[in-house]
């Protein structure tokens, strides 16, 4: 494995985790890409404002999927449990705090963390083969549209992602 591929592998899994879970949950996005600098991004299609409970919960899982997939692929699961440095993780926690403190839909943050972490693990475990295929394609092509993610993962594509 070349040093370039080795350096892109964690970010490819991170972004593949986001893309596959967002596809599975029907969260629209424009594309997923990685750069040779080790950066990556799933480019979303809209703001997270005015989301209902279902959409907000799915977005939280979509956010957590990236760091979880990276930790699983790099065999650093302990880092997943303790990390709070990832921007995706911080954004997910802010959304959890909103659900707990403003919406009152979950009793406390500990319960919110437990629920969302469990669901993220479940959905990524269910779709792990797809995450591996998308990560490999990202390393090879550097960018994938939602159609390619859906084809590689065997998941249905939402109409707004087909653009």
N, C-alpha and C. Protein backbone atom coordinates (compact mmCIF):
# COMPACT_ATOMS: atom_id res chain seq x y z
N UNK A 1 0.85 -1.17 0.00
CA UNK A 1 0.00 0.00 0.00
C UNK A 1 0.90 1.24 0.00
N UNK A 2 0.67 2.15 -0.93
CA UNK A 2 1.50 3.35 -1.03
C UNK A 2 1.22 4.29 0.15
N UNK A 3 2.15 5.21 0.40
CA UNK A 3 1.98 6.15 1.52
C UNK A 3 0.79 7.07 1.28
N UNK A 4 0.51 7.41 0.01
CA UNK A 4 -0.65 8.27 -0.29
C UNK A 4 -1.94 7.55 0.07
N UNK A 5 -2.06 6.30 -0.36
CA UNK A 5 -3.26 5.51 -0.05
C UNK A 5 -3.38 5.33 1.46
N UNK A 6 -2.26 5.05 2.12
CA UNK A 6 -2.27 4.85 3.57
C UNK A 6 -2.74 6.12 4.29
N UNK A 7 -2.31 7.30 3.81
CA UNK A 7 -2.71 8.55 4.45
C UNK A 7 -4.18 8.90 4.16
N UNK A 8 -4.69 8.46 3.01
CA UNK A 8 -6.08 8.75 2.66
C UNK A 8 -7.08 7.76 3.27
N UNK A 9 -6.61 6.61 3.68
CA UNK A 9 -7.50 5.55 4.16
C UNK A 9 -8.40 6.01 5.32
N UNK A 10 -7.86 6.61 6.40
CA UNK A 10 -8.77 7.01 7.49
C UNK A 10 -9.84 8.01 7.05
N UNK A 11 -9.45 9.01 6.27
CA UNK A 11 -10.43 10.01 5.84
C UNK A 11 -11.41 9.41 4.84
N UNK A 12 -10.96 8.48 4.02
CA UNK A 12 -11.88 7.81 3.08
C UNK A 12 -12.95 7.04 3.85
N UNK A 13 -12.57 6.33 4.89
CA UNK A 13 -13.55 5.61 5.71
C UNK A 13 -14.47 6.59 6.44
N UNK A 14 -13.89 7.67 6.94
CA UNK A 14 -14.67 8.68 7.65
C UNK A 14 -15.77 9.22 6.73
N UNK A 15 -15.39 9.65 5.54
CA UNK A 15 -16.36 10.22 4.61
C UNK A 15 -17.31 9.17 4.04
N UNK A 16 -16.81 7.96 3.82
CA UNK A 16 -17.68 6.86 3.37
C UNK A 16 -18.73 6.54 4.42
N UNK A 17 -18.35 6.59 5.70
CA UNK A 17 -19.32 6.37 6.77
C UNK A 17 -20.45 7.37 6.70
N UNK A 18 -20.09 8.66 6.57
CA UNK A 18 -21.12 9.69 6.41
C UNK A 18 -22.01 9.39 5.21
N UNK A 19 -21.40 9.17 4.06
CA UNK A 19 -22.15 9.04 2.80
C UNK A 19 -23.09 7.83 2.82
N UNK A 20 -22.60 6.68 3.28
CA UNK A 20 -23.44 5.48 3.29
C UNK A 20 -24.60 5.63 4.26
N UNK A 21 -24.33 6.16 5.45
CA UNK A 21 -25.40 6.31 6.44
C UNK A 21 -26.39 7.37 5.98
N UNK A 22 -25.91 8.46 5.41
CA UNK A 22 -26.83 9.47 4.90
C UNK A 22 -27.68 8.91 3.77
N UNK A 23 -27.11 8.08 2.93
CA UNK A 23 -27.88 7.44 1.87
C UNK A 23 -28.92 6.49 2.48
N UNK A 24 -28.51 5.70 3.45
CA UNK A 24 -29.43 4.74 4.10
C UNK A 24 -30.58 5.45 4.80
N UNK A 25 -30.30 6.62 5.39
CA UNK A 25 -31.33 7.34 6.15
C UNK A 25 -32.10 8.35 5.30
N UNK A 26 -31.72 8.47 4.02
CA UNK A 26 -32.43 9.40 3.15
C UNK A 26 -32.08 10.85 3.37
N UNK A 27 -30.88 11.12 3.88
CA UNK A 27 -30.43 12.50 4.07
C UNK A 27 -29.75 12.95 2.78
N UNK A 28 -30.28 13.97 2.12
CA UNK A 28 -29.70 14.39 0.84
C UNK A 28 -28.31 15.02 0.98
N UNK A 29 -27.49 14.84 -0.02
CA UNK A 29 -26.18 15.48 -0.10
C UNK A 29 -25.79 15.57 -1.57
N UNK A 30 -24.85 16.45 -1.88
CA UNK A 30 -24.44 16.67 -3.27
C UNK A 30 -23.33 15.75 -3.72
N UNK A 31 -22.33 15.56 -2.86
CA UNK A 31 -21.23 14.67 -3.22
C UNK A 31 -20.40 14.38 -1.98
N UNK A 32 -19.51 13.41 -2.11
CA UNK A 32 -18.56 13.09 -1.06
C UNK A 32 -17.18 13.09 -1.71
N UNK A 33 -16.21 13.70 -1.04
CA UNK A 33 -14.87 13.73 -1.64
C UNK A 33 -13.78 13.71 -0.58
N UNK A 34 -12.60 13.31 -1.02
CA UNK A 34 -11.39 13.39 -0.21
C UNK A 34 -10.32 14.08 -1.04
N UNK A 35 -9.39 14.71 -0.36
CA UNK A 35 -8.29 15.41 -1.02
C UNK A 35 -6.97 14.80 -0.58
N UNK A 36 -5.95 15.01 -1.38
CA UNK A 36 -4.64 14.45 -1.07
C UNK A 36 -4.05 15.03 0.21
N UNK A 37 -4.63 16.12 0.70
CA UNK A 37 -4.18 16.71 1.97
C UNK A 37 -4.73 15.95 3.17
N UNK A 38 -5.54 14.92 2.90
CA UNK A 38 -6.14 14.17 3.99
C UNK A 38 -7.45 14.78 4.47
N UNK A 39 -7.99 15.71 3.72
CA UNK A 39 -9.27 16.31 4.08
C UNK A 39 -10.38 15.66 3.27
N UNK A 40 -11.57 15.74 3.80
CA UNK A 40 -12.71 15.20 3.08
C UNK A 40 -13.97 15.91 3.50
N UNK A 41 -15.02 15.69 2.74
CA UNK A 41 -16.26 16.38 3.05
C UNK A 41 -17.42 15.70 2.34
N UNK A 42 -18.53 15.61 3.06
CA UNK A 42 -19.80 15.29 2.43
C UNK A 42 -20.50 16.63 2.31
N UNK A 43 -20.75 17.07 1.10
CA UNK A 43 -21.35 18.38 0.88
C UNK A 43 -22.86 18.26 0.96
N UNK A 44 -23.44 18.89 1.98
CA UNK A 44 -24.87 18.81 2.21
C UNK A 44 -25.65 19.71 1.28
N UNK A 45 -26.97 19.51 1.28
CA UNK A 45 -27.82 20.29 0.38
C UNK A 45 -28.61 21.37 1.10
N UNK A 46 -28.52 21.46 2.41
CA UNK A 46 -29.33 22.48 3.07
C UNK A 46 -28.92 22.71 4.50
N UNK A 47 -29.57 23.67 5.11
CA UNK A 47 -29.32 24.03 6.50
C UNK A 47 -29.99 23.01 7.43
N UNK A 48 -29.51 22.96 8.66
CA UNK A 48 -30.12 22.09 9.65
C UNK A 48 -31.19 22.82 10.46
N UNK A 49 -31.54 24.00 10.03
CA UNK A 49 -32.56 24.77 10.72
C UNK A 49 -33.94 24.21 10.41
N UNK A 50 -34.83 24.37 11.37
CA UNK A 50 -36.23 23.97 11.20
C UNK A 50 -36.41 22.49 10.90
N UNK A 51 -35.58 21.67 11.47
CA UNK A 51 -35.72 20.23 11.28
C UNK A 51 -36.69 19.68 12.31
N UNK A 52 -37.46 18.68 11.91
CA UNK A 52 -38.29 17.97 12.86
C UNK A 52 -37.44 16.97 13.63
N UNK A 53 -38.06 16.33 14.59
CA UNK A 53 -37.33 15.37 15.43
C UNK A 53 -36.67 14.27 14.60
N UNK A 54 -37.43 13.66 13.70
CA UNK A 54 -36.93 12.55 12.89
C UNK A 54 -35.71 12.98 12.08
N UNK A 55 -35.82 14.12 11.41
CA UNK A 55 -34.72 14.61 10.59
C UNK A 55 -33.50 14.95 11.44
N UNK A 56 -33.73 15.57 12.60
CA UNK A 56 -32.62 15.94 13.48
C UNK A 56 -31.91 14.69 14.00
N UNK A 57 -32.68 13.70 14.40
CA UNK A 57 -32.08 12.46 14.89
C UNK A 57 -31.27 11.77 13.80
N UNK A 58 -31.80 11.74 12.58
CA UNK A 58 -31.04 11.15 11.47
C UNK A 58 -29.76 11.92 11.17
N UNK A 59 -29.81 13.25 11.25
CA UNK A 59 -28.61 14.06 11.01
C UNK A 59 -27.55 13.77 12.08
N UNK A 60 -27.98 13.59 13.32
CA UNK A 60 -27.02 13.27 14.38
C UNK A 60 -26.32 11.96 14.05
N UNK A 61 -27.07 10.95 13.67
CA UNK A 61 -26.48 9.65 13.32
C UNK A 61 -25.57 9.81 12.10
N UNK A 62 -25.99 10.59 11.11
CA UNK A 62 -25.15 10.85 9.95
C UNK A 62 -23.83 11.51 10.33
N UNK A 63 -23.88 12.43 11.29
CA UNK A 63 -22.65 13.09 11.76
C UNK A 63 -21.74 12.12 12.50
N UNK A 64 -22.31 11.30 13.37
CA UNK A 64 -21.51 10.36 14.16
C UNK A 64 -20.92 9.24 13.31
N UNK A 65 -21.54 8.96 12.18
CA UNK A 65 -21.10 7.85 11.34
C UNK A 65 -19.67 8.03 10.82
N UNK A 66 -19.27 9.26 10.53
CA UNK A 66 -17.92 9.50 10.01
C UNK A 66 -16.83 9.12 11.00
N UNK A 67 -16.83 9.74 12.19
CA UNK A 67 -15.78 9.38 13.15
C UNK A 67 -15.86 7.91 13.58
N UNK A 68 -17.07 7.36 13.67
CA UNK A 68 -17.18 5.96 14.06
C UNK A 68 -16.57 5.05 12.99
N UNK A 69 -16.88 5.30 11.72
CA UNK A 69 -16.34 4.47 10.63
C UNK A 69 -14.82 4.58 10.59
N UNK A 70 -14.29 5.78 10.77
CA UNK A 70 -12.83 5.96 10.78
C UNK A 70 -12.21 5.17 11.92
N UNK A 71 -12.81 5.25 13.10
CA UNK A 71 -12.27 4.53 14.26
C UNK A 71 -12.32 3.02 14.04
N UNK A 72 -13.41 2.53 13.47
CA UNK A 72 -13.54 1.10 13.22
C UNK A 72 -12.51 0.64 12.18
N UNK A 73 -12.34 1.41 11.12
CA UNK A 73 -11.41 1.02 10.05
C UNK A 73 -9.96 1.06 10.50
N UNK A 74 -9.63 1.99 11.37
CA UNK A 74 -8.25 2.12 11.84
C UNK A 74 -8.01 1.34 13.12
N UNK A 75 -9.02 0.62 13.56
CA UNK A 75 -8.94 -0.20 14.77
C UNK A 75 -8.61 0.63 16.01
N UNK A 76 -9.17 1.83 16.05
CA UNK A 76 -8.96 2.72 17.19
C UNK A 76 -10.31 3.02 17.85
N UNK A 77 -11.01 1.96 18.22
CA UNK A 77 -12.34 2.13 18.80
C UNK A 77 -12.29 2.87 20.13
N UNK A 78 -11.23 2.69 20.90
CA UNK A 78 -11.11 3.39 22.16
C UNK A 78 -11.10 4.90 21.91
N UNK A 79 -10.45 5.32 20.83
CA UNK A 79 -10.42 6.74 20.48
C UNK A 79 -11.83 7.23 20.15
N UNK A 80 -12.64 6.38 19.54
CA UNK A 80 -14.02 6.76 19.23
C UNK A 80 -14.79 7.07 20.50
N UNK A 81 -14.59 6.26 21.51
CA UNK A 81 -15.34 6.42 22.75
C UNK A 81 -14.92 7.70 23.47
N UNK A 82 -13.65 8.08 23.39
CA UNK A 82 -13.16 9.19 24.18
C UNK A 82 -12.98 10.49 23.40
N UNK A 83 -13.04 10.44 22.09
CA UNK A 83 -12.74 11.64 21.31
C UNK A 83 -13.83 12.68 21.42
N UNK A 84 -13.43 13.92 21.49
CA UNK A 84 -14.36 15.03 21.40
C UNK A 84 -13.73 16.12 20.53
N UNK A 85 -12.68 15.76 19.80
CA UNK A 85 -11.97 16.73 18.98
C UNK A 85 -12.54 16.82 17.57
N UNK A 86 -13.32 15.88 17.16
CA UNK A 86 -13.86 15.85 15.81
C UNK A 86 -15.01 16.85 15.68
N UNK A 87 -14.99 17.67 14.61
CA UNK A 87 -16.05 18.66 14.40
C UNK A 87 -17.41 18.01 14.23
N UNK A 88 -17.46 16.87 13.56
CA UNK A 88 -18.73 16.16 13.39
C UNK A 88 -19.30 15.77 14.75
N UNK A 89 -18.44 15.27 15.61
CA UNK A 89 -18.86 14.85 16.94
C UNK A 89 -19.40 16.05 17.72
N UNK A 90 -18.68 17.16 17.67
CA UNK A 90 -19.13 18.36 18.40
C UNK A 90 -20.48 18.85 17.88
N UNK A 91 -20.67 18.83 16.58
CA UNK A 91 -21.95 19.26 16.01
C UNK A 91 -23.07 18.31 16.44
N UNK A 92 -22.79 17.02 16.45
CA UNK A 92 -23.79 16.04 16.89
C UNK A 92 -24.17 16.27 18.35
N UNK A 93 -23.17 16.56 19.18
CA UNK A 93 -23.44 16.81 20.60
C UNK A 93 -24.29 18.07 20.76
N UNK A 94 -24.02 19.11 19.99
CA UNK A 94 -24.83 20.33 20.06
C UNK A 94 -26.29 20.01 19.70
N UNK A 95 -26.48 19.18 18.69
CA UNK A 95 -27.84 18.81 18.30
C UNK A 95 -28.50 17.96 19.38
N UNK A 96 -27.73 17.06 20.01
CA UNK A 96 -28.27 16.27 21.12
C UNK A 96 -28.70 17.19 22.26
N UNK A 97 -27.86 18.18 22.57
CA UNK A 97 -28.20 19.13 23.64
C UNK A 97 -29.50 19.85 23.32
N UNK A 98 -29.71 20.20 22.07
CA UNK A 98 -30.95 20.86 21.66
C UNK A 98 -32.15 19.93 21.89
N UNK A 99 -31.99 18.67 21.50
CA UNK A 99 -33.08 17.69 21.68
C UNK A 99 -33.40 17.51 23.16
N UNK A 100 -32.37 17.47 23.99
CA UNK A 100 -32.57 17.25 25.43
C UNK A 100 -33.08 18.52 26.11
N UNK A 101 -32.39 19.63 25.92
CA UNK A 101 -32.66 20.85 26.70
C UNK A 101 -33.78 21.71 26.13
N UNK A 102 -33.92 21.78 24.83
CA UNK A 102 -34.94 22.66 24.25
C UNK A 102 -36.21 21.91 23.89
N UNK A 103 -36.03 20.72 23.32
CA UNK A 103 -37.21 19.98 22.87
C UNK A 103 -37.74 19.05 23.96
N UNK A 104 -36.89 18.67 24.90
CA UNK A 104 -37.30 17.79 25.99
C UNK A 104 -37.69 16.40 25.54
N UNK A 105 -37.12 15.93 24.43
CA UNK A 105 -37.52 14.64 23.85
C UNK A 105 -36.76 13.46 24.44
N UNK A 106 -35.62 13.73 25.04
CA UNK A 106 -34.82 12.69 25.70
C UNK A 106 -34.50 13.24 27.09
N UNK A 107 -34.49 12.37 28.09
CA UNK A 107 -34.35 12.82 29.48
C UNK A 107 -33.04 13.52 29.80
N UNK A 108 -31.92 12.95 29.35
CA UNK A 108 -30.64 13.56 29.70
C UNK A 108 -29.59 13.25 28.64
N UNK A 109 -28.47 13.96 28.71
CA UNK A 109 -27.42 13.81 27.71
C UNK A 109 -26.81 12.42 27.72
N UNK A 110 -26.69 11.80 28.86
CA UNK A 110 -26.14 10.45 28.92
C UNK A 110 -26.99 9.48 28.12
N UNK A 111 -28.30 9.61 28.28
CA UNK A 111 -29.23 8.76 27.53
C UNK A 111 -29.15 9.08 26.03
N UNK A 112 -29.04 10.36 25.69
CA UNK A 112 -28.93 10.75 24.28
C UNK A 112 -27.66 10.16 23.66
N UNK A 113 -26.53 10.30 24.35
CA UNK A 113 -25.28 9.73 23.84
C UNK A 113 -25.41 8.22 23.63
N UNK A 114 -25.96 7.55 24.64
CA UNK A 114 -26.11 6.09 24.54
C UNK A 114 -26.97 5.72 23.34
N UNK A 115 -28.13 6.33 23.20
CA UNK A 115 -29.06 6.01 22.11
C UNK A 115 -28.43 6.24 20.73
N UNK A 116 -27.85 7.42 20.55
CA UNK A 116 -27.31 7.76 19.24
C UNK A 116 -26.06 6.96 18.91
N UNK A 117 -25.22 6.71 19.89
CA UNK A 117 -24.03 5.88 19.63
C UNK A 117 -24.42 4.46 19.28
N UNK A 118 -25.41 3.90 19.99
CA UNK A 118 -25.87 2.54 19.69
C UNK A 118 -26.45 2.45 18.28
N UNK A 119 -27.29 3.42 17.92
CA UNK A 119 -27.91 3.38 16.60
C UNK A 119 -26.87 3.56 15.50
N UNK A 120 -25.90 4.44 15.74
CA UNK A 120 -24.83 4.64 14.75
C UNK A 120 -24.05 3.35 14.54
N UNK A 121 -23.70 2.67 15.63
CA UNK A 121 -22.99 1.39 15.52
C UNK A 121 -23.83 0.37 14.76
N UNK A 122 -25.12 0.29 15.08
CA UNK A 122 -26.00 -0.67 14.42
C UNK A 122 -26.06 -0.44 12.91
N UNK A 123 -26.31 0.79 12.52
CA UNK A 123 -26.48 1.06 11.09
C UNK A 123 -25.17 0.89 10.34
N UNK A 124 -24.05 1.26 10.95
CA UNK A 124 -22.76 1.06 10.28
C UNK A 124 -22.39 -0.42 10.20
N UNK A 125 -22.70 -1.17 11.23
CA UNK A 125 -22.45 -2.61 11.20
C UNK A 125 -23.28 -3.25 10.09
N UNK A 126 -24.53 -2.84 9.98
CA UNK A 126 -25.42 -3.38 8.95
C UNK A 126 -24.90 -3.06 7.54
N UNK A 127 -24.28 -1.90 7.37
CA UNK A 127 -23.84 -1.45 6.04
C UNK A 127 -22.31 -1.40 5.91
N UNK A 128 -21.59 -2.14 6.74
CA UNK A 128 -20.12 -2.03 6.75
C UNK A 128 -19.49 -2.41 5.40
N UNK A 129 -20.00 -3.43 4.76
CA UNK A 129 -19.45 -3.80 3.45
C UNK A 129 -19.59 -2.66 2.45
N UNK A 130 -20.70 -1.95 2.52
CA UNK A 130 -20.90 -0.79 1.64
C UNK A 130 -19.90 0.32 1.97
N UNK A 131 -19.66 0.55 3.25
CA UNK A 131 -18.68 1.56 3.66
C UNK A 131 -17.30 1.21 3.09
N UNK A 132 -16.94 -0.06 3.15
CA UNK A 132 -15.64 -0.48 2.62
C UNK A 132 -15.56 -0.26 1.11
N UNK A 133 -16.63 -0.56 0.38
CA UNK A 133 -16.63 -0.35 -1.07
C UNK A 133 -16.56 1.14 -1.42
N UNK A 134 -17.30 1.96 -0.71
CA UNK A 134 -17.29 3.40 -0.98
C UNK A 134 -15.93 3.99 -0.61
N UNK A 135 -15.34 3.57 0.50
CA UNK A 135 -14.01 4.07 0.88
C UNK A 135 -12.98 3.72 -0.19
N UNK A 136 -13.02 2.50 -0.69
CA UNK A 136 -12.07 2.10 -1.75
C UNK A 136 -12.28 2.94 -3.01
N UNK A 137 -13.53 3.19 -3.37
CA UNK A 137 -13.82 4.00 -4.55
C UNK A 137 -13.37 5.45 -4.34
N UNK A 138 -13.51 5.96 -3.11
CA UNK A 138 -13.05 7.32 -2.82
C UNK A 138 -11.53 7.42 -2.95
N UNK A 139 -10.82 6.42 -2.49
CA UNK A 139 -9.36 6.44 -2.62
C UNK A 139 -8.98 6.44 -4.10
N UNK A 140 -9.70 5.68 -4.89
CA UNK A 140 -9.39 5.59 -6.32
C UNK A 140 -9.83 6.84 -7.09
N UNK A 141 -11.03 7.35 -6.84
CA UNK A 141 -11.60 8.43 -7.66
C UNK A 141 -11.58 9.79 -6.99
N UNK A 142 -11.42 9.83 -5.69
CA UNK A 142 -11.36 11.06 -4.88
C UNK A 142 -12.69 11.76 -4.66
N UNK A 143 -13.67 11.54 -5.53
CA UNK A 143 -14.98 12.16 -5.36
C UNK A 143 -16.05 11.25 -5.95
N UNK A 144 -17.20 11.19 -5.27
CA UNK A 144 -18.31 10.37 -5.73
C UNK A 144 -19.62 11.13 -5.59
N UNK A 145 -20.46 11.07 -6.60
CA UNK A 145 -21.81 11.65 -6.47
C UNK A 145 -22.70 10.66 -5.71
N UNK A 146 -23.84 11.11 -5.23
CA UNK A 146 -24.75 10.20 -4.52
C UNK A 146 -25.14 8.96 -5.32
N UNK A 147 -25.26 9.08 -6.65
CA UNK A 147 -25.60 7.91 -7.48
C UNK A 147 -24.57 6.81 -7.34
N UNK A 148 -23.30 7.19 -7.33
CA UNK A 148 -22.23 6.19 -7.20
C UNK A 148 -22.27 5.55 -5.82
N UNK A 149 -22.50 6.35 -4.78
CA UNK A 149 -22.59 5.80 -3.43
C UNK A 149 -23.75 4.81 -3.35
N UNK A 150 -24.90 5.19 -3.93
CA UNK A 150 -26.06 4.29 -3.92
C UNK A 150 -25.77 3.01 -4.68
N UNK A 151 -25.11 3.12 -5.83
CA UNK A 151 -24.79 1.92 -6.62
C UNK A 151 -23.82 1.02 -5.88
N UNK A 152 -22.80 1.60 -5.26
CA UNK A 152 -21.81 0.80 -4.53
C UNK A 152 -22.39 0.17 -3.26
N UNK A 153 -23.35 0.87 -2.66
CA UNK A 153 -23.92 0.38 -1.40
C UNK A 153 -25.16 -0.47 -1.58
N UNK A 154 -25.77 -0.42 -2.77
CA UNK A 154 -27.00 -1.17 -2.98
C UNK A 154 -28.19 -0.54 -2.30
N UNK A 155 -28.08 0.73 -1.95
CA UNK A 155 -29.17 1.44 -1.27
C UNK A 155 -29.95 2.28 -2.28
N UNK A 156 -31.23 2.52 -2.01
CA UNK A 156 -32.01 3.35 -2.93
C UNK A 156 -31.56 4.81 -2.84
N UNK A 157 -31.73 5.52 -3.93
CA UNK A 157 -31.34 6.92 -4.03
C UNK A 157 -32.58 7.80 -3.98
N UNK A 158 -32.55 8.81 -3.12
CA UNK A 158 -33.65 9.77 -3.06
C UNK A 158 -33.63 10.64 -4.31
N UNK A 159 -34.77 11.10 -4.73
CA UNK A 159 -34.88 11.90 -5.95
C UNK A 159 -34.02 13.16 -5.88
N UNK A 160 -34.01 13.87 -4.72
CA UNK A 160 -33.23 15.11 -4.69
C UNK A 160 -31.73 14.86 -4.76
N UNK A 161 -31.28 13.63 -4.46
CA UNK A 161 -29.86 13.29 -4.59
C UNK A 161 -29.48 12.94 -6.03
N UNK A 162 -30.45 12.67 -6.86
CA UNK A 162 -30.18 12.21 -8.22
C UNK A 162 -29.72 13.34 -9.15
N UNK A 163 -29.83 14.57 -8.70
CA UNK A 163 -29.44 15.70 -9.55
C UNK A 163 -27.98 15.67 -9.88
